[in-house]
N, C-alpha and C. Protein backbone atom coordinates (compact mmCIF):
# COMPACT_ATOMS: atom_id res chain seq x y z
N MET A 1 16.82 3.23 83.86
CA MET A 1 16.21 4.40 83.29
C MET A 1 16.26 5.52 84.32
N ASN A 2 16.53 6.72 83.88
CA ASN A 2 16.55 7.86 84.79
C ASN A 2 15.13 8.27 85.15
N LYS A 3 14.94 8.57 86.43
CA LYS A 3 13.65 9.09 86.88
C LYS A 3 13.72 10.61 86.79
N LEU A 4 12.68 11.24 86.26
CA LEU A 4 12.63 12.68 86.12
C LEU A 4 11.61 13.25 87.08
N ASN A 5 11.97 14.35 87.72
CA ASN A 5 10.98 15.02 88.57
C ASN A 5 10.24 16.07 87.76
N GLU A 6 9.20 16.68 88.35
CA GLU A 6 8.37 17.62 87.61
C GLU A 6 9.16 18.82 87.11
N GLU A 7 10.12 19.28 87.89
CA GLU A 7 10.92 20.44 87.49
C GLU A 7 11.74 20.11 86.24
N GLN A 8 12.31 18.92 86.19
CA GLN A 8 13.08 18.51 85.02
C GLN A 8 12.18 18.37 83.79
N LEU A 9 10.99 17.83 83.97
CA LEU A 9 10.06 17.67 82.85
C LEU A 9 9.68 19.02 82.25
N GLY A 10 9.51 20.02 83.09
CA GLY A 10 9.16 21.35 82.61
C GLY A 10 10.28 21.97 81.79
N ALA A 11 11.52 21.56 82.03
CA ALA A 11 12.67 22.14 81.34
C ALA A 11 13.06 21.32 80.11
N MET A 12 12.33 20.28 79.81
CA MET A 12 12.70 19.40 78.70
C MET A 12 12.33 20.03 77.36
N ARG A 13 13.11 19.71 76.34
CA ARG A 13 12.79 20.08 74.97
C ARG A 13 13.21 18.94 74.07
N SER A 14 12.51 18.76 73.01
CA SER A 14 12.83 17.69 72.07
C SER A 14 13.96 18.15 71.15
N VAL A 15 15.04 17.36 71.08
CA VAL A 15 16.15 17.70 70.19
C VAL A 15 16.31 16.68 69.08
N ALA A 16 15.76 15.48 69.27
CA ALA A 16 15.87 14.45 68.23
C ALA A 16 14.81 13.39 68.48
N THR A 17 14.39 12.78 67.39
CA THR A 17 13.42 11.69 67.45
C THR A 17 14.00 10.51 66.68
N VAL A 18 13.94 9.34 67.29
CA VAL A 18 14.39 8.13 66.62
C VAL A 18 13.16 7.25 66.39
N VAL A 19 13.00 6.82 65.14
CA VAL A 19 11.90 5.94 64.77
C VAL A 19 12.53 4.66 64.22
N PHE A 20 12.04 3.53 64.69
CA PHE A 20 12.52 2.24 64.20
C PHE A 20 11.47 1.69 63.25
N MET A 21 11.87 1.49 61.99
CA MET A 21 10.95 1.05 60.95
C MET A 21 11.36 -0.34 60.46
N GLU A 22 10.37 -1.15 60.12
CA GLU A 22 10.65 -2.44 59.50
C GLU A 22 10.62 -2.23 57.99
N VAL A 23 11.75 -2.50 57.34
CA VAL A 23 11.85 -2.30 55.89
C VAL A 23 11.41 -3.57 55.18
N GLY A 24 11.35 -3.51 53.85
CA GLY A 24 10.85 -4.62 53.03
C GLY A 24 11.53 -5.95 53.27
N THR A 25 12.80 -5.90 53.68
CA THR A 25 13.53 -7.14 53.94
C THR A 25 13.19 -7.74 55.29
N GLY A 26 12.38 -7.02 56.09
CA GLY A 26 12.04 -7.48 57.43
C GLY A 26 13.00 -6.97 58.48
N GLU A 27 14.03 -6.27 58.06
CA GLU A 27 15.03 -5.73 58.98
C GLU A 27 14.47 -4.48 59.66
N ILE A 28 14.80 -4.30 60.94
CA ILE A 28 14.43 -3.10 61.69
C ILE A 28 15.55 -2.09 61.52
N VAL A 29 15.21 -0.89 61.04
CA VAL A 29 16.20 0.13 60.74
C VAL A 29 15.84 1.42 61.49
N PRO A 30 16.83 2.02 62.18
CA PRO A 30 16.55 3.28 62.89
C PRO A 30 16.67 4.49 61.96
N PHE A 31 15.77 5.44 62.15
CA PHE A 31 15.83 6.72 61.45
C PHE A 31 15.84 7.81 62.52
N LEU A 32 16.80 8.73 62.44
CA LEU A 32 16.90 9.82 63.40
C LEU A 32 16.53 11.12 62.71
N GLN A 33 15.64 11.87 63.33
CA GLN A 33 15.23 13.16 62.81
C GLN A 33 15.55 14.23 63.85
N THR A 34 16.07 15.38 63.40
CA THR A 34 16.34 16.47 64.32
C THR A 34 16.18 17.81 63.62
N THR A 35 15.80 18.80 64.39
CA THR A 35 15.77 20.17 63.90
C THR A 35 16.78 21.01 64.66
N ASP A 36 17.57 20.38 65.53
CA ASP A 36 18.53 21.09 66.37
C ASP A 36 19.89 21.14 65.67
N ASP A 37 20.43 22.33 65.49
CA ASP A 37 21.70 22.50 64.79
C ASP A 37 22.86 21.79 65.48
N SER A 38 22.89 21.80 66.82
CA SER A 38 24.01 21.16 67.53
C SER A 38 23.97 19.64 67.34
N VAL A 39 22.77 19.07 67.28
CA VAL A 39 22.66 17.62 67.03
C VAL A 39 23.10 17.32 65.60
N ARG A 40 22.71 18.18 64.66
CA ARG A 40 23.15 18.00 63.27
C ARG A 40 24.67 18.04 63.17
N GLU A 41 25.31 18.97 63.89
CA GLU A 41 26.77 19.05 63.90
C GLU A 41 27.38 17.78 64.46
N MET A 42 26.79 17.25 65.54
CA MET A 42 27.27 16.02 66.14
C MET A 42 27.19 14.87 65.15
N LEU A 43 26.12 14.83 64.36
CA LEU A 43 25.95 13.77 63.38
C LEU A 43 26.99 13.84 62.27
N ASN A 44 27.54 15.03 62.04
CA ASN A 44 28.58 15.19 61.03
C ASN A 44 29.95 14.74 61.53
N ASP A 45 30.11 14.62 62.86
CA ASP A 45 31.36 14.12 63.41
C ASP A 45 31.37 12.60 63.27
N ILE A 46 32.30 12.08 62.48
CA ILE A 46 32.29 10.65 62.14
C ILE A 46 32.41 9.74 63.36
N ASN A 47 33.19 10.13 64.37
CA ASN A 47 33.33 9.30 65.57
C ASN A 47 32.04 9.26 66.37
N ASP A 48 31.40 10.43 66.52
CA ASP A 48 30.12 10.46 67.23
C ASP A 48 29.07 9.70 66.44
N ARG A 49 29.08 9.82 65.14
CA ARG A 49 28.10 9.13 64.31
C ARG A 49 28.25 7.62 64.40
N LYS A 50 29.51 7.14 64.43
CA LYS A 50 29.75 5.70 64.56
C LYS A 50 29.21 5.18 65.89
N LYS A 51 29.42 5.95 66.97
CA LYS A 51 28.91 5.55 68.29
C LYS A 51 27.39 5.51 68.29
N LEU A 52 26.78 6.53 67.70
CA LEU A 52 25.33 6.59 67.64
C LEU A 52 24.77 5.45 66.80
N ASP A 53 25.36 5.21 65.64
CA ASP A 53 24.92 4.12 64.77
C ASP A 53 25.02 2.77 65.49
N ALA A 54 26.11 2.57 66.23
CA ALA A 54 26.30 1.31 66.96
C ALA A 54 25.23 1.14 68.03
N ALA A 55 24.95 2.21 68.76
CA ALA A 55 23.93 2.14 69.82
C ALA A 55 22.55 1.87 69.24
N LEU A 56 22.21 2.58 68.16
CA LEU A 56 20.90 2.39 67.54
C LEU A 56 20.77 1.00 66.92
N SER A 57 21.86 0.45 66.43
CA SER A 57 21.85 -0.90 65.87
C SER A 57 21.57 -1.94 66.96
N VAL A 58 22.13 -1.71 68.14
CA VAL A 58 21.87 -2.63 69.26
C VAL A 58 20.39 -2.59 69.62
N ILE A 59 19.83 -1.38 69.71
CA ILE A 59 18.41 -1.25 70.04
C ILE A 59 17.55 -1.89 68.96
N ALA A 60 17.89 -1.64 67.69
CA ALA A 60 17.14 -2.24 66.58
C ALA A 60 17.19 -3.76 66.65
N GLY A 61 18.34 -4.31 67.01
CA GLY A 61 18.48 -5.75 67.15
C GLY A 61 17.61 -6.32 68.25
N ILE A 62 17.52 -5.60 69.36
CA ILE A 62 16.66 -6.03 70.47
C ILE A 62 15.20 -6.02 70.05
N ILE A 63 14.78 -4.96 69.35
CA ILE A 63 13.40 -4.87 68.87
C ILE A 63 13.13 -6.00 67.88
N ASP A 64 14.05 -6.23 66.97
CA ASP A 64 13.89 -7.29 65.97
C ASP A 64 13.74 -8.65 66.64
N LYS A 65 14.59 -8.93 67.63
CA LYS A 65 14.52 -10.21 68.34
C LYS A 65 13.17 -10.36 69.05
N HIS A 66 12.72 -9.28 69.68
CA HIS A 66 11.43 -9.33 70.36
C HIS A 66 10.29 -9.62 69.38
N LEU A 67 10.33 -8.92 68.24
CA LEU A 67 9.28 -9.15 67.24
C LEU A 67 9.31 -10.58 66.72
N ASN A 68 10.50 -11.10 66.47
CA ASN A 68 10.63 -12.48 65.99
C ASN A 68 10.15 -13.47 67.04
N ASP A 69 10.50 -13.21 68.31
CA ASP A 69 10.06 -14.09 69.40
C ASP A 69 8.54 -14.03 69.54
N SER A 70 7.97 -12.84 69.40
CA SER A 70 6.51 -12.68 69.51
C SER A 70 5.80 -13.43 68.39
N GLU A 71 6.35 -13.36 67.19
CA GLU A 71 5.76 -14.08 66.05
C GLU A 71 5.83 -15.58 66.29
N GLY A 72 6.92 -16.06 66.88
CA GLY A 72 7.08 -17.47 67.17
C GLY A 72 6.06 -17.97 68.20
N MET A 73 5.71 -17.11 69.14
CA MET A 73 4.72 -17.46 70.16
C MET A 73 3.33 -17.56 69.57
N LYS A 74 3.06 -16.76 68.54
CA LYS A 74 1.74 -16.76 67.92
C LYS A 74 1.50 -18.00 67.06
N ALA A 75 2.59 -18.59 66.57
CA ALA A 75 2.47 -19.75 65.66
C ALA A 75 2.07 -20.99 66.39
């Protein structure tokens, strides 16, 4: 993970938010929200979108595995 100093934090702005939701089937699904036009343009580029979808799927899989492992520990 990148470490940020105070100067970098002051210059930060939110361009996108990713929320991972558990749907009715129990699957973890990522949802990306943005109000930034350049991010919206990037999402329209099919190659960039495929890369983003692949990365978010990996993260969703890790979260799903963790949740399943946690449930197994509770049983």
